[in-house]
Protein backbone atom coordinates (compact mmCIF):
# COMPACT_ATOMS: atom_id res chain seq x y z
CA MET A 1 17.40 -2.98 -7.35
CA THR A 2 15.33 -3.51 -10.48
CA GLU A 3 14.03 -0.36 -12.05
CA CYS A 4 10.29 -0.65 -12.41
CA ILE A 5 8.49 2.01 -14.39
CA THR A 6 9.44 5.48 -15.45
CA CYS A 7 7.48 8.42 -14.20
CA SER A 8 8.40 11.46 -16.23
CA ALA A 9 12.20 11.61 -16.21
CA ARG A 10 12.61 9.79 -12.89
CA THR A 11 12.46 6.08 -12.25
CA PHE A 12 9.98 4.51 -9.87
CA ASP A 13 12.88 3.76 -7.53
CA GLU A 14 13.78 7.44 -7.34
CA THR A 15 10.16 8.44 -6.75
CA LEU A 16 9.64 5.94 -3.93
CA PRO A 17 12.92 4.97 -2.28
CA ASN A 18 11.40 1.92 -0.58
CA ALA A 19 9.89 0.49 -3.76
CA PRO A 20 10.02 -3.28 -3.97
CA SER A 21 12.82 -4.81 -6.00
CA SER A 22 10.76 -7.17 -8.17
CA GLU A 23 9.02 -5.86 -11.26
CA LYS A 24 5.89 -7.80 -10.28
CA HIS A 25 5.75 -6.10 -6.89
CA CYS A 26 6.43 -2.70 -8.46
CA ARG A 27 3.49 -3.17 -10.82
CA LEU A 28 1.24 -4.17 -7.92
CA LEU A 29 2.33 -1.17 -5.86
CA SER A 30 1.92 1.25 -8.76
CA SER A 31 -1.65 0.03 -9.33
CA TYR A 32 -2.51 1.09 -5.78
CA LEU A 33 -0.67 4.41 -6.03
CA PHE A 34 -3.20 5.57 -8.63
CA ASN A 35 -5.60 5.87 -5.71
CA LEU A 36 -3.43 8.18 -3.59
CA GLU A 37 -5.84 11.03 -4.28
CA ARG A 38 -8.11 9.24 -1.79
CA GLY A 39 -5.34 9.44 0.78
CA PRO A 40 -2.74 7.02 2.12
CA LEU A 41 -5.15 5.52 4.68
CA ALA A 42 -7.60 4.61 1.93
CA VAL A 43 -4.84 3.00 -0.11
CA ARG A 44 -3.68 1.01 2.91
CA GLU A 45 -7.23 -0.20 3.49
CA MET A 46 -7.45 -1.27 -0.16
CA ILE A 47 -4.26 -3.30 0.09
CA VAL A 48 -5.24 -4.86 3.43
CA GLY A 49 -8.70 -5.69 2.07
CA ASP A 50 -7.20 -7.36 -0.98
CA ILE A 51 -4.79 -9.37 1.20
CA ASP A 52 -7.76 -10.61 3.26
CA ARG A 53 -9.79 -11.49 0.16
CA PHE A 54 -6.93 -13.38 -1.49
CA ARG A 55 -6.29 -15.31 1.73
CA ASP A 56 -9.98 -16.21 1.88
CA LEU A 57 -9.77 -17.47 -1.71
CA GLY A 58 -6.71 -19.55 -0.90
CA ALA A 59 -4.41 -17.47 -3.11
CA ARG A 60 -1.61 -17.48 -0.56
CA GLN A 61 1.15 -16.42 -2.97
CA LEU A 62 -0.73 -13.33 -4.11
CA ALA A 63 -1.61 -12.48 -0.50
CA SER A 64 2.09 -12.83 0.34
CA ASP A 65 3.05 -10.61 -2.59
CA LEU A 66 0.58 -7.97 -1.43
CA SER A 67 1.98 -8.15 2.10
CA LEU A 68 5.37 -7.17 0.69
CA VAL A 69 3.71 -4.38 -1.29
CA LEU A 70 1.99 -3.18 1.89
CA ASN A 71 5.31 -3.08 3.76
CA CYS A 72 6.90 -1.04 0.97
CA PHE A 73 3.88 1.29 0.85
CA LEU A 74 4.00 1.87 4.61
CA ALA A 75 7.73 2.58 4.46
CA ASP A 76 7.04 5.43 2.02
CA PHE A 77 3.77 6.57 3.62
CA PRO A 78 4.23 6.12 7.40
CA GLU A 79 1.17 8.27 8.07
CA ALA A 80 -0.92 5.35 6.82
CA ARG A 81 0.37 3.05 9.59
CA MET A 82 -2.26 3.96 12.14
CA ALA A 83 -5.93 4.35 11.34
CA PRO A 84 -7.75 7.17 13.13
CA ASP A 85 -10.15 6.18 15.88
CA LEU A 86 -13.48 5.21 14.40
CA CYS A 87 -15.34 6.83 17.27
CA GLU A 88 -14.05 10.17 18.41
CA CYS A 89 -16.74 10.65 21.03
CA SER A 90 -15.88 12.60 24.12
CA GLN A 91 -16.91 11.34 27.54
CA ALA A 92 -19.32 14.29 27.81
CA GLU A 93 -21.33 12.97 24.84
CA LEU A 94 -21.86 9.58 26.53
């Protein structure tokens, strides 16, 4: 596996065991990881939104690259796989 970037004394691969093998994909993933302070769900939504926008623009290769990045992200942050219900209303409130 290609080593991507160094973070302190550890490599990116050691920090995230499911990091993508290509340097290009590692750079893409690392650009999203700067937003982890917003939470894994927010980062997932950013990646998914970018995939949709690039598909709409016809940039299929970049959308495909981001799909791989999303899979790697979700492997390391499984809590981001499922979005919480948008409406948490109880039946009593209806």
